[in-house]
C-alpha atoms as a PDB file:
ATOM      1  CA  MET A   1      -0.063  -0.108   0.013  1.00  0.00           C
ATOM      2  CA  ARG A   2       1.066   3.323  -1.256  1.00  0.00           C
ATOM      3  CA  PRO A   3       0.860   6.023   1.691  1.00  0.00           C
ATOM      4  CA  VAL A   4      -1.987   8.852   0.341  1.00  0.00           C
ATOM      5  CA  TRP A   5      -0.300  11.279   2.534  1.00  0.00           C
ATOM      6  CA  SER A   6       1.732  12.364   5.082  1.00  0.00           C
ATOM      7  CA  GLY A   7       1.458  14.480   8.370  1.00  0.00           C
ATOM      8  CA  ALA A   8       0.976  14.176  11.972  1.00  0.00           C
ATOM      9  CA  ILE A   9      -2.105  13.539  14.342  1.00  0.00           C
ATOM     10  CA  SER A  10      -2.925  16.198  16.879  1.00  0.00           C
ATOM     11  CA  PHE A  11      -3.415  15.398  20.296  1.00  0.00           C
ATOM     12  CA  GLY A  12      -3.678  17.834  22.832  1.00  0.00           C
ATOM     13  CA  LEU A  13      -0.345  18.965  22.601  1.00  0.00           C
ATOM     14  CA  VAL A  14       1.288  15.257  21.683  1.00  0.00           C
ATOM     15  CA  THR A  15       2.243  14.637  18.236  1.00  0.00           C
ATOM     16  CA  ILE A  16       2.185  11.813  16.455  1.00  0.00           C
ATOM     17  CA  PRO A  17       3.846  11.344  13.435  1.00  0.00           C
ATOM     18  CA  ILE A  18       2.046   9.370  11.101  1.00  0.00           C
ATOM     19  CA  LYS A  19       1.339   7.741   7.032  1.00  0.00           C
ATOM     20  CA  VAL A  20      -1.816   7.401   5.690  1.00  0.00           C
ATOM     21  CA  LEU A  21      -3.051   4.704   3.522  1.00  0.00           C
ATOM     22  CA  PRO A  22      -5.915   3.744   1.507  1.00  0.00           C
ATOM     23  CA  ALA A  23      -7.877   0.471   4.529  1.00  0.00           C
ATOM     24  CA  THR A  24      -9.937  -0.625   0.945  1.00  0.00           C
ATOM     25  CA  GLU A  25      -9.788  -1.512  -2.533  1.00  0.00           C
ATOM     26  CA  THR A  26     -12.025  -2.041  -4.980  1.00  0.00           C
ATOM     27  CA  HIS A  27     -12.240  -5.468  -7.366  1.00  0.00           C
ATOM     28  CA  SER A  28     -14.925  -4.201  -9.736  1.00  0.00           C
ATOM     29  CA  ILE A  29     -14.376  -4.601 -13.270  1.00  0.00           C
ATOM     30  CA  ARG A  30     -13.226  -1.439 -15.540  1.00  0.00           C
ATOM     31  CA  PHE A  31     -14.707  -0.625 -19.417  1.00  0.00           C
ATOM     32  CA  HIS A  32     -12.977   1.471 -21.285  1.00  0.00           C
ATOM     33  CA  GLN A  33     -14.513   3.287 -23.991  1.00  0.00           C
ATOM     34  CA  TYR A  34     -14.617   1.863 -28.227  1.00  0.00           C
ATOM     35  CA  HIS A  35     -15.551   2.854 -31.126  1.00  0.00           C
ATOM     36  CA  LEU A  36     -18.085  -0.186 -31.861  1.00  0.00           C
ATOM     37  CA  GLU A  37     -17.614  -0.173 -35.868  1.00  0.00           C
ATOM     38  CA  ASP A  38     -14.070  -1.102 -35.866  1.00  0.00           C
ATOM     39  CA  MET A  39     -13.123  -1.459 -31.857  1.00  0.00           C
ATOM     40  CA  GLY A  40     -10.841   1.357 -32.215  1.00  0.00           C
ATOM     41  CA  ARG A  41      -9.473   3.282 -28.547  1.00  0.00           C
ATOM     42  CA  VAL A  42     -11.702   5.984 -27.698  1.00  0.00           C
ATOM     43  CA  ARG A  43      -9.933   8.315 -25.752  1.00  0.00           C
ATOM     44  CA  THR A  44     -10.159  11.631 -23.594  1.00  0.00           C
ATOM     45  CA  ARG A  45      -8.416  14.227 -25.084  1.00  0.00           C
ATOM     46  CA  LYS A  46      -7.304  17.417 -23.170  1.00  0.00           C
ATOM     47  CA  VAL A  47      -7.423  20.201 -25.464  1.00  0.00           C
ATOM     48  CA  CYS A  48      -7.044  24.246 -24.870  1.00  0.00           C
ATOM     49  CA  GLU A  49     -10.408  25.938 -25.973  1.00  0.00           C
ATOM     50  CA  ILE A  50      -7.972  28.743 -27.363  1.00  0.00           C
ATOM     51  CA  GLU A  51      -5.104  27.893 -28.537  1.00  0.00           C
ATOM     52  CA  ASP A  52      -7.165  24.372 -29.758  1.00  0.00           C
ATOM     53  CA  ARG A  53      -4.503  22.458 -29.147  1.00  0.00           C
ATOM     54  CA  GLU A  54      -3.905  19.269 -26.852  1.00  0.00           C
ATOM     55  CA  VAL A  55      -2.123  20.203 -23.554  1.00  0.00           C
ATOM     56  CA  PRO A  56       0.221  18.290 -21.608  1.00  0.00           C
ATOM     57  CA  ASN A  57      -0.345  17.876 -18.260  1.00  0.00           C
ATOM     58  CA  ALA A  58       2.294  19.513 -16.937  1.00  0.00           C
ATOM     59  CA  GLU A  59       0.889  22.424 -18.627  1.00  0.00           C
ATOM     60  CA  ILE A  60      -2.012  21.759 -16.734  1.00  0.00           C
ATOM     61  CA  GLY A  61      -3.076  23.244 -13.118  1.00  0.00           C
ATOM     62  CA  LYS A  62      -6.087  24.355 -10.901  1.00  0.00           C
ATOM     63  CA  GLY A  63      -7.711  27.767 -11.600  1.00  0.00           C
ATOM     64  CA  TYR A  64     -10.801  29.000 -10.633  1.00  0.00           C
ATOM     65  CA  GLU A  65     -13.153  31.864 -12.074  1.00  0.00           C
ATOM     66  CA  ALA A  66     -13.738  34.767  -9.704  1.00  0.00           C
ATOM     67  CA  SER A  67     -15.713  36.334 -12.028  1.00  0.00           C
ATOM     68  CA  THR A  68     -16.765  36.540 -15.589  1.00  0.00           C
ATOM     69  CA  GLY A  69     -13.403  35.961 -17.377  1.00  0.00           C
ATOM     70  CA  THR A  70     -11.187  36.578 -14.467  1.00  0.00           C
ATOM     71  CA  ILE A  71      -9.018  32.995 -13.940  1.00  0.00           C
ATOM     72  CA  VAL A  72      -7.404  33.446 -10.184  1.00  0.00           C
ATOM     73  CA  ALA A  73      -4.748  30.589 -11.252  1.00  0.00           C
ATOM     74  CA  ILE A  74      -3.752  28.741  -8.330  1.00  0.00           C
ATOM     75  CA  ASP A  75      -1.080  26.261  -7.784  1.00  0.00           C
ATOM     76  CA  ASP A  76       0.207  22.762  -5.740  1.00  0.00           C
ATOM     77  CA  ALA A  77       2.579  24.570  -3.499  1.00  0.00           C
ATOM     78  CA  GLU A  78      -0.293  28.076  -2.654  1.00  0.00           C
ATOM     79  CA  LEU A  79      -2.715  25.094  -1.316  1.00  0.00           C
ATOM     80  CA  ASP A  80      -0.338  22.761   0.982  1.00  0.00           C
ATOM     81  CA  ASP A  81       0.936  26.363   2.792  1.00  0.00           C
ATOM     82  CA  MET A  82      -2.735  27.652   3.125  1.00  0.00           C
ATOM     83  CA  PRO A  83      -2.981  29.047   6.656  1.00  0.00           C
ATOM     84  CA  LEU A  84      -5.004  26.421   8.225  1.00  0.00           C
ATOM     85  CA  PRO A  85      -4.142  24.338  11.442  1.00  0.00           C
ATOM     86  CA  THR A  86      -4.783  21.442   9.494  1.00  0.00           C
ATOM     87  CA  ALA A  87      -3.523  22.176   6.531  1.00  0.00           C
ATOM     88  CA  LYS A  88      -0.593  19.485   7.851  1.00  0.00           C
ATOM     89  CA  ALA A  89      -2.429  17.267  10.458  1.00  0.00           C
ATOM     90  CA  ILE A  90      -5.470  15.298  11.808  1.00  0.00           C
ATOM     91  CA  GLU A  91      -6.208  18.132  14.692  1.00  0.00           C
ATOM     92  CA  ILE A  92      -8.323  16.112  17.007  1.00  0.00           C
ATOM     93  CA  VAL A  93     -11.202  18.427  18.710  1.00  0.00           C
ATOM     94  CA  ALA A  94     -13.361  15.845  20.519  1.00  0.00           C
ATOM     95  CA  PHE A  95     -14.748  12.924  21.965  1.00  0.00           C
ATOM     96  CA  VAL A  96     -17.986  11.185  21.533  1.00  0.00           C
ATOM     97  CA  PRO A  97     -19.141   7.686  21.996  1.00  0.00           C
ATOM     98  CA  ALA A  98     -19.246   5.512  18.787  1.00  0.00           C
ATOM     99  CA  GLU A  99     -22.678   5.190  19.054  1.00  0.00           C
ATOM    100  CA  SER A 100     -23.686   8.502  18.441  1.00  0.00           C
ATOM    101  CA  ILE A 101     -22.613   9.067  15.238  1.00  0.00           C
ATOM    102  CA  ASP A 102     -24.741   8.738  12.782  1.00  0.00           C
ATOM    103  CA  PRO A 103     -23.898   6.554   9.865  1.00  0.00           C
ATOM    104  CA  VAL A 104     -24.612   8.181   7.311  1.00  0.00           C
ATOM    105  CA  ARG A 105     -22.142  10.809   7.891  1.00  0.00           C
ATOM    106  CA  ILE A 106     -18.978   8.110   7.447  1.00  0.00           C
ATOM    107  CA  SER A 107     -17.683   7.644   4.606  1.00  0.00           C
ATOM    108  CA  ASP A 108     -13.992   6.335   2.740  1.00  0.00           C
ATOM    109  CA  GLY A 109     -11.513   4.577   5.611  1.00  0.00           C
ATOM    110  CA  TYR A 110      -7.774   4.642   6.067  1.00  0.00           C
ATOM    111  CA  TYR A 111      -5.308   3.100   7.731  1.00  0.00           C
ATOM    112  CA  LEU A 112      -2.340   5.585   9.845  1.00  0.00           C
ATOM    113  CA  GLN A 113       0.958   3.816  10.166  1.00  0.00           C
ATOM    114  CA  GLY A 114       3.567   5.492  12.961  1.00  0.00           C
ATOM    115  CA  ASP A 115       5.952   7.130  10.314  1.00  0.00           C
ATOM    116  CA  GLY A 116       8.873   6.580  12.176  1.00  0.00           C
ATOM    117  CA  GLN A 117      10.081   5.320  16.440  1.00  0.00           C
ATOM    118  CA  VAL A 118       9.592   8.170  17.683  1.00  0.00           C
ATOM    119  CA  SER A 119       5.731   7.505  16.500  1.00  0.00           C
ATOM    120  CA  ALA A 120       5.247   4.258  18.450  1.00  0.00           C
ATOM    121  CA  LYS A 121       4.790   5.832  21.942  1.00  0.00           C
ATOM    122  CA  PRO A 122       2.016   8.077  21.382  1.00  0.00           C
ATOM    123  CA  TYR A 123       0.493   6.000  19.163  1.00  0.00           C
ATOM    124  CA  THR A 124      -0.299   3.338  21.335  1.00  0.00           C
ATOM    125  CA  LEU A 125      -0.444   5.785  23.942  1.00  0.00           C
ATOM    126  CA  LEU A 126      -3.886   6.911  21.505  1.00  0.00           C
ATOM    127  CA  ARG A 127      -5.433   3.873  20.817  1.00  0.00           C
ATOM    128  CA  LYS A 128      -5.096   2.452  23.908  1.00  0.00           C
ATOM    129  CA  ALA A 129      -6.792   4.866  25.293  1.00  0.00           C
ATOM    130  CA  LEU A 130      -9.419   4.756  22.836  1.00  0.00           C
ATOM    131  CA  ALA A 131      -9.914   1.144  23.177  1.00  0.00           C
ATOM    132  CA  ARG A 132      -9.991   1.817  27.092  1.00  0.00           C
ATOM    133  CA  ASN A 133     -12.779   4.142  27.430  1.00  0.00           C
ATOM    134  CA  SER A 134     -14.808   3.040  24.347  1.00  0.00           C
ATOM    135  CA  LYS A 135     -14.780   6.675  22.722  1.00  0.00           C
ATOM    136  CA  VAL A 136     -13.852   7.513  18.781  1.00  0.00           C
ATOM    137  CA  ALA A 137     -11.785  10.606  18.023  1.00  0.00           C
ATOM    138  CA  VAL A 138     -13.487  13.252  16.056  1.00  0.00           C
ATOM    139  CA  ALA A 139     -11.182  15.404  14.208  1.00  0.00           C
ATOM    140  CA  LYS A 140      -9.834  18.245  11.541  1.00  0.00           C
ATOM    141  CA  PHE A 141      -7.954  17.413   8.219  1.00  0.00           C
ATOM    142  CA  ALA A 142      -7.186  19.239   4.873  1.00  0.00           C
ATOM    143  CA  TRP A 143      -7.193  17.330   1.780  1.00  0.00           C
ATOM    144  CA  HIS A 144      -7.731  17.079  -1.470  1.00  0.00           C
ATOM    145  CA  GLY A 145      -8.912  20.938  -1.751  1.00  0.00           C
ATOM    146  CA  ARG A 146     -11.126  21.193   0.672  1.00  0.00           C
ATOM    147  CA  GLU A 147     -11.383  20.750   4.779  1.00  0.00           C
ATOM    148  CA  ARG A 148     -12.513  17.878   6.041  1.00  0.00           C
ATOM    149  CA  LEU A 149     -14.080  16.136   9.525  1.00  0.00           C
ATOM    150  CA  GLY A 150     -13.002  13.027  11.141  1.00  0.00           C
ATOM    151  CA  LEU A 151     -13.349  10.055  12.996  1.00  0.00           C
ATOM    152  CA  LEU A 152     -10.729   8.099  14.785  1.00  0.00           C
ATOM    153  CA  ARG A 153     -10.942   5.147  15.849  1.00  0.00           C
ATOM    154  CA  VAL A 154      -9.373   1.378  16.809  1.00  0.00           C
ATOM    155  CA  ARG A 155      -9.039  -1.582  14.538  1.00  0.00           C
ATOM    156  CA  ASP A 156      -7.406  -4.868  15.334  1.00  0.00           C
ATOM    157  CA  ASP A 157      -4.706  -3.049  16.617  1.00  0.00           C
ATOM    158  CA  VAL A 158      -4.252   0.079  14.072  1.00  0.00           C
ATOM    159  CA  LEU A 159      -6.285   3.406  14.134  1.00  0.00           C
ATOM    160  CA  VAL A 160      -8.242   4.528  11.312  1.00  0.00           C
ATOM    161  CA  LEU A 161      -9.405   7.613   9.740  1.00  0.00           C
ATOM    162  CA  HIS A 162     -12.998   8.048   8.311  1.00  0.00           C
ATOM    163  CA  ALA A 163     -13.956  10.497   6.668  1.00  0.00           C
ATOM    164  CA  MET A 164     -17.391  12.349   7.510  1.00  0.00           C
ATOM    165  CA  LYS A 165     -19.980  14.842   6.506  1.00  0.00           C
ATOM    166  CA  TRP A 166     -20.746  17.687   7.221  1.00  0.00           C
ATOM    167  CA  ASP A 167     -23.809  19.048   9.093  1.00  0.00           C
ATOM    168  CA  ASP A 168     -25.293  20.856   5.545  1.00  0.00           C
ATOM    169  CA  GLU A 169     -24.158  18.012   4.147  1.00  0.00           C
ATOM    170  CA  ILE A 170     -26.690  15.371   5.273  1.00  0.00           C
ATOM    171  CA  ARG A 171     -30.382  16.027   3.873  1.00  0.00           C
ATOM    172  CA  SER A 172     -33.096  15.710   6.066  1.00  0.00           C
ATOM    173  CA  PRO A 173     -34.951  13.033   5.611  1.00  0.00           C
ATOM    174  CA  GLU A 174     -38.304  14.996   6.821  1.00  0.00           C
ATOM    175  CA  PRO A 175     -39.566  15.244   2.846  1.00  0.00           C
ATOM    176  CA  ILE A 176     -39.403  11.565   2.610  1.00  0.00           C
ATOM    177  CA  THR A 177     -40.274  10.074   5.735  1.00  0.00           C
ATOM    178  CA  PRO A 178     -44.267   7.634   5.830  1.00  0.00           C
ATOM    179  CA  ALA A 179     -46.908   8.702   7.103  1.00  0.00           C
ATOM    180  CA  PRO A 180     -47.819   7.130  10.445  1.00  0.00           C
ATOM    181  CA  THR A 181     -49.574   3.885   9.547  1.00  0.00           C
ATOM    182  CA  GLU A 182     -51.351   1.103  13.104  1.00  0.00           C
ATOM    183  CA  LEU A 183     -50.198  -1.797  13.114  1.00  0.00           C
ATOM    184  CA  THR A 184     -50.752  -4.575  15.117  1.00  0.00           C
ATOM    185  CA  GLU A 185     -48.682  -6.188  18.646  1.00  0.00           C
ATOM    186  CA  GLU A 186     -48.567  -9.720  16.766  1.00  0.00           C
ATOM    187  CA  GLU A 187     -46.798  -8.043  13.768  1.00  0.00           C
ATOM    188  CA  VAL A 188     -44.614  -6.239  15.689  1.00  0.00           C
ATOM    189  CA  GLU A 189     -43.699  -9.347  17.737  1.00  0.00           C
ATOM    190  CA  GLU A 190     -43.500 -11.516  14.314  1.00  0.00           C
ATOM    191  CA  ALA A 191     -41.171  -8.556  12.576  1.00  0.00           C
ATOM    192  CA  VAL A 192     -38.583  -8.918  15.538  1.00  0.00           C
ATOM    193  CA  LEU A 193     -38.895 -12.860  15.479  1.00  0.00           C
ATOM    194  CA  LEU A 194     -37.887 -12.102  12.036  1.00  0.00           C
ATOM    195  CA  VAL A 195     -34.787 -10.248  13.464  1.00  0.00           C
ATOM    196  CA  ASP A 196     -33.655 -12.430  15.241  1.00  0.00           C
ATOM    197  CA  SER A 197     -33.572 -15.611  12.724  1.00  0.00           C
ATOM    198  CA  MET A 198     -31.614 -13.673  10.505  1.00  0.00           C
ATOM    199  CA  THR A 199     -29.455 -12.000  13.299  1.00  0.00           C
ATOM    200  CA  VAL A 200     -25.125 -13.440  12.821  1.00  0.00           C
ATOM    201  CA  ASP A 201     -22.491 -12.603  15.188  1.00  0.00           C
ATOM    202  CA  ASP A 202     -20.171 -11.323  11.824  1.00  0.00           C
ATOM    203  CA  ILE A 203     -20.107 -10.534   8.243  1.00  0.00           C
ATOM    204  CA  ALA A 204     -17.015 -11.719   7.561  1.00  0.00           C
ATOM    205  CA  GLY A 205     -17.374 -15.133   5.941  1.00  0.00           C
ATOM    206  CA  GLN A 206     -21.160 -14.958   5.834  1.00  0.00           C
ATOM    207  CA  GLU A 207     -21.748 -16.707   2.403  1.00  0.00           C
ATOM    208  CA  TRP A 208     -23.960 -14.081   1.017  1.00  0.00           C
ATOM    209  CA  ALA A 209     -21.580 -11.560   1.670  1.00  0.00           C
ATOM    210  CA  THR A 210     -19.547 -11.625  -1.657  1.00  0.00           C
ATOM    211  CA  ASP A 211     -19.688  -9.311  -5.031  1.00  0.00           C
ATOM    212  CA  ARG A 212     -21.840 -11.561  -7.459  1.00  0.00           C
ATOM    213  CA  TYR A 213     -22.379  -8.760  -9.582  1.00  0.00           C
ATOM    214  CA  THR A 214     -18.591  -9.092 -10.878  1.00  0.00           C
ATOM    215  CA  ALA A 215     -18.559 -12.686 -10.845  1.00  0.00           C
ATOM    216  CA  ALA A 216     -21.169 -13.003 -13.032  1.00  0.00           C
ATOM    217  CA  LEU A 217     -19.612 -10.565 -15.035  1.00  0.00           C
ATOM    218  CA  GLU A 218     -16.588 -12.724 -15.350  1.00  0.00           C
ATOM    219  CA  GLU A 219     -17.667 -15.329 -16.938  1.00  0.00           C
ATOM    220  CA  VAL A 220     -19.706 -13.381 -18.975  1.00  0.00           C
ATOM    221  CA  ILE A 221     -16.730 -11.788 -20.064  1.00  0.00           C
ATOM    222  CA  HIS A 222     -14.826 -15.172 -20.327  1.00  0.00           C
ATOM    223  CA  ALA A 223     -17.746 -17.140 -22.925  1.00  0.00           C
ATOM    224  CA  LYS A 224     -17.437 -14.023 -25.549  1.00  0.00           C
ATOM    225  CA  ALA A 225     -13.761 -13.789 -25.746  1.00  0.00           C
ATOM    226  CA  ASP A 226     -13.979 -17.641 -25.909  1.00  0.00           C
ATOM    227  CA  GLY A 227     -16.618 -17.333 -28.746  1.00  0.00           C
ATOM    228  CA  LYS A 228     -18.964 -18.737 -26.566  1.00  0.00           C
ATOM    229  CA  LYS A 229     -22.603 -17.590 -26.089  1.00  0.00           C
ATOM    230  CA  PRO A 230     -22.434 -15.693 -22.694  1.00  0.00           C
ATOM    231  CA  PRO A 231     -24.412 -16.978 -19.185  1.00  0.00           C
ATOM    232  CA  ARG A 232     -28.244 -16.032 -19.209  1.00  0.00           C
ATOM    233  CA  ALA A 233     -30.022 -15.858 -15.479  1.00  0.00           C
ATOM    234  CA  ALA A 234     -32.779 -18.170 -14.918  1.00  0.00           C
ATOM    235  CA  GLU A 235     -35.852 -17.073 -15.773  1.00  0.00           C
ATOM    236  CA  GLU A 236     -37.616 -16.903 -12.083  1.00  0.00           C
ATOM    237  CA  GLU A 237     -41.558 -17.446 -11.434  1.00  0.00           C
ATOM    238  CA  PRO A 238     -43.177 -13.516 -10.678  1.00  0.00           C
ATOM    239  CA  ALA A 239     -44.152 -14.168  -6.450  1.00  0.00           C
ATOM    240  CA  GLY A 240     -47.446 -13.918  -5.691  1.00  0.00           C
ATOM    241  CA  THR A 241     -48.483 -10.905  -4.185  1.00  0.00           C
ATOM    242  CA  VAL A 242     -48.843 -11.253  -0.650  1.00  0.00           C
ATOM    243  CA  VAL A 243     -51.639  -9.295   1.625  1.00  0.00           C
ATOM    244  CA  ASP A 244     -51.452 -10.674   4.758  1.00  0.00           C
ATOM    245  CA  LEU A 245     -49.021  -9.056   6.240  1.00  0.00           C
ATOM    246  CA  MET A 246     -48.575 -12.013   9.569  1.00  0.00           C
ATOM    247  CA  ALA A 247     -48.559 -14.706   6.583  1.00  0.00           C
ATOM    248  CA  ALA A 248     -45.548 -12.949   5.474  1.00  0.00           C
ATOM    249  CA  LEU A 249     -43.465 -12.347   8.523  1.00  0.00           C
ATOM    250  CA  GLU A 250     -43.983 -15.854   9.028  1.00  0.00           C
ATOM    251  CA  GLN A 251     -42.848 -17.222   5.579  1.00  0.00           C
ATOM    252  CA  SER A 252     -39.937 -15.259   6.011  1.00  0.00           C
ATOM    253  CA  VAL A 253     -39.240 -16.386   9.648  1.00  0.00           C
ATOM    254  CA  GLN A 254     -39.715 -20.156   8.407  1.00  0.00           C
ATOM    255  CA  ARG A 255     -37.125 -19.834   5.442  1.00  0.00           C
ATOM    256  CA  ALA A 256     -34.997 -17.193   7.424  1.00  0.00           C
ATOM    257  CA  GLN A 257     -34.570 -20.649  10.359  1.00  0.00           C
ATOM    258  CA  GLU A 258     -34.458 -23.116   7.180  1.00  0.00           C
ATOM    259  CA  SER A 259     -31.064 -21.180   5.204  1.00  0.00           C
ATOM    260  CA  ARG A 260     -29.775 -21.523   9.169  1.00  0.00           C
ATOM    261  CA  GLY A 261     -30.094 -25.289   9.666  1.00  0.00           C
ATOM    262  CA  GLU A 262     -32.819 -24.593  12.329  1.00  0.00           C
ATOM    263  CA  GLY A 263     -35.416 -26.557   9.127  1.00  0.00           C
ATOM    264  CA  GLY A 264     -36.926 -29.230  12.348  1.00  0.00           C
ATOM    265  CA  GLU A 265     -37.869 -25.388  14.575  1.00  0.00           C
ATOM    266  CA  GLU A 266     -41.270 -24.648  13.437  1.00  0.00           C
ATOM    267  CA  ALA A 267     -41.695 -21.100  12.936  1.00  0.00           C
ATOM    268  CA  THR A 268     -43.757 -19.891  15.421  1.00  0.00           C
ATOM    269  CA  VAL A 269     -46.793 -18.595  14.455  1.00  0.00           C
ATOM    270  CA  HIS A 270     -49.716 -16.463  15.964  1.00  0.00           C
ATOM    271  CA  GLU A 271     -53.266 -16.746  15.311  1.00  0.00           C
ATOM    272  CA  MET A 272     -54.625 -13.490  14.005  1.00  0.00           C
ATOM    273  CA  LYS A 273     -57.305 -12.239  17.437  1.00  0.00           C
ATOM    274  CA  PRO A 274     -60.602 -13.224  16.109  1.00  0.00           C
ATOM    275  CA  LYS A 275     -63.068 -10.442  15.853  1.00  0.00           C
ATOM    276  CA  ARG A 276     -65.123  -9.934  19.462  1.00  0.00           C
ATOM    277  CA  ALA A 277     -68.398 -11.412  19.228  1.00  0.00           C
ATOM    278  CA  ALA A 278     -71.665  -9.114  20.091  1.00  0.00           C
ATOM    279  CA  LYS A 279     -72.941 -10.058  23.303  1.00  0.00           C
ATOM    280  CA  GLU A 280     -75.729 -12.999  22.604  1.00  0.00           C
ATOM    281  CA  THR A 281     -79.685 -12.272  24.186  1.00  0.00           C
ATOM    282  CA  PRO A 282     -81.237 -15.362  26.039  1.00  0.00           C
ATOM    283  CA  ALA A 283     -83.210 -15.466  22.870  1.00  0.00           C
ATOM    284  CA  LYS A 284     -80.235 -16.266  20.697  1.00  0.00           C
ATOM    285  CA  LYS A 285     -78.604 -19.301  23.279  1.00  0.00           C
ATOM    286  CA  ALA A 286     -82.099 -20.396  23.665  1.00  0.00           C
ATOM    287  CA  THR A 287     -81.994 -20.645  19.335  1.00  0.00           C
ATOM    288  CA  ALA A 288     -78.424 -21.433  19.495  1.00  0.00           C
ATOM    289  CA  LYS A 289     -79.290 -24.511  22.015  1.00  0.00           C
ATOM    290  CA  LYS A 290     -82.577 -25.963  20.376  1.00  0.00           C
ATOM    291  CA  ARG A 291     -80.365 -25.922  17.184  1.00  0.00           C
ATOM    292  CA  GLY A 292     -77.785 -28.032  18.771  1.00  0.00           C
ATOM    293  CA  ALA A 293     -80.309 -30.409  19.182  1.00  0.00           C
END
């Protein structure tokens, strides 16, 4: 892994030199663009609109249009020398309970590696302090032309930094909030039972925790490369529309238990409570008695 940034963690008066390395990688298949008529590669050319010629990367820089026709050029050195305390450091600003961080904020993750022998002791100190308090650190740092909010946590004895969204970058879900809906207690209990029956201790190693799309795409590519007809998805019979929510929940519980090898255990079935019958009068009781006779 190659470092994507180097600097230091600022922890009060403690400084920890670190290197930042990607914590994740992608295995998605990437396509190029081709001219379908002759399969020639189609590339993106960077052309100067004034000189009408292709420009090499060495002649390309950053700029901002301050007003119509007025371009302000900004070079990398100026970005590196920004008057920000976070330009060269990941500045820890607070510690919070991990559960207080809404996952919708969290973005890409990076491993933080101690840079040099001098970092070993303060790095270990911060790691143990976080682990012992069961808290995460909220930090600020400046990367890629903007200041960011970050989350520091411990994973397998290594510090991990997650980029996070600012408050004004998170949209309110209020416009799509469902209208109030009445549910019976039996329906809620059955849904809880379904959650329990589908609960696992860890995602790692689960049969379903694989990228089936990429594997299927590789099959299609290999088949076409060998001049064979690519495999197609099997047609599935459309599932019937389930109107009874309780029946759908009960069937789901049973399937979940069977998939985990618990087929011998029948799903808990809650009988729907019958509608309360009207109170019988003495005349109705007498009529019923004659019918029974």
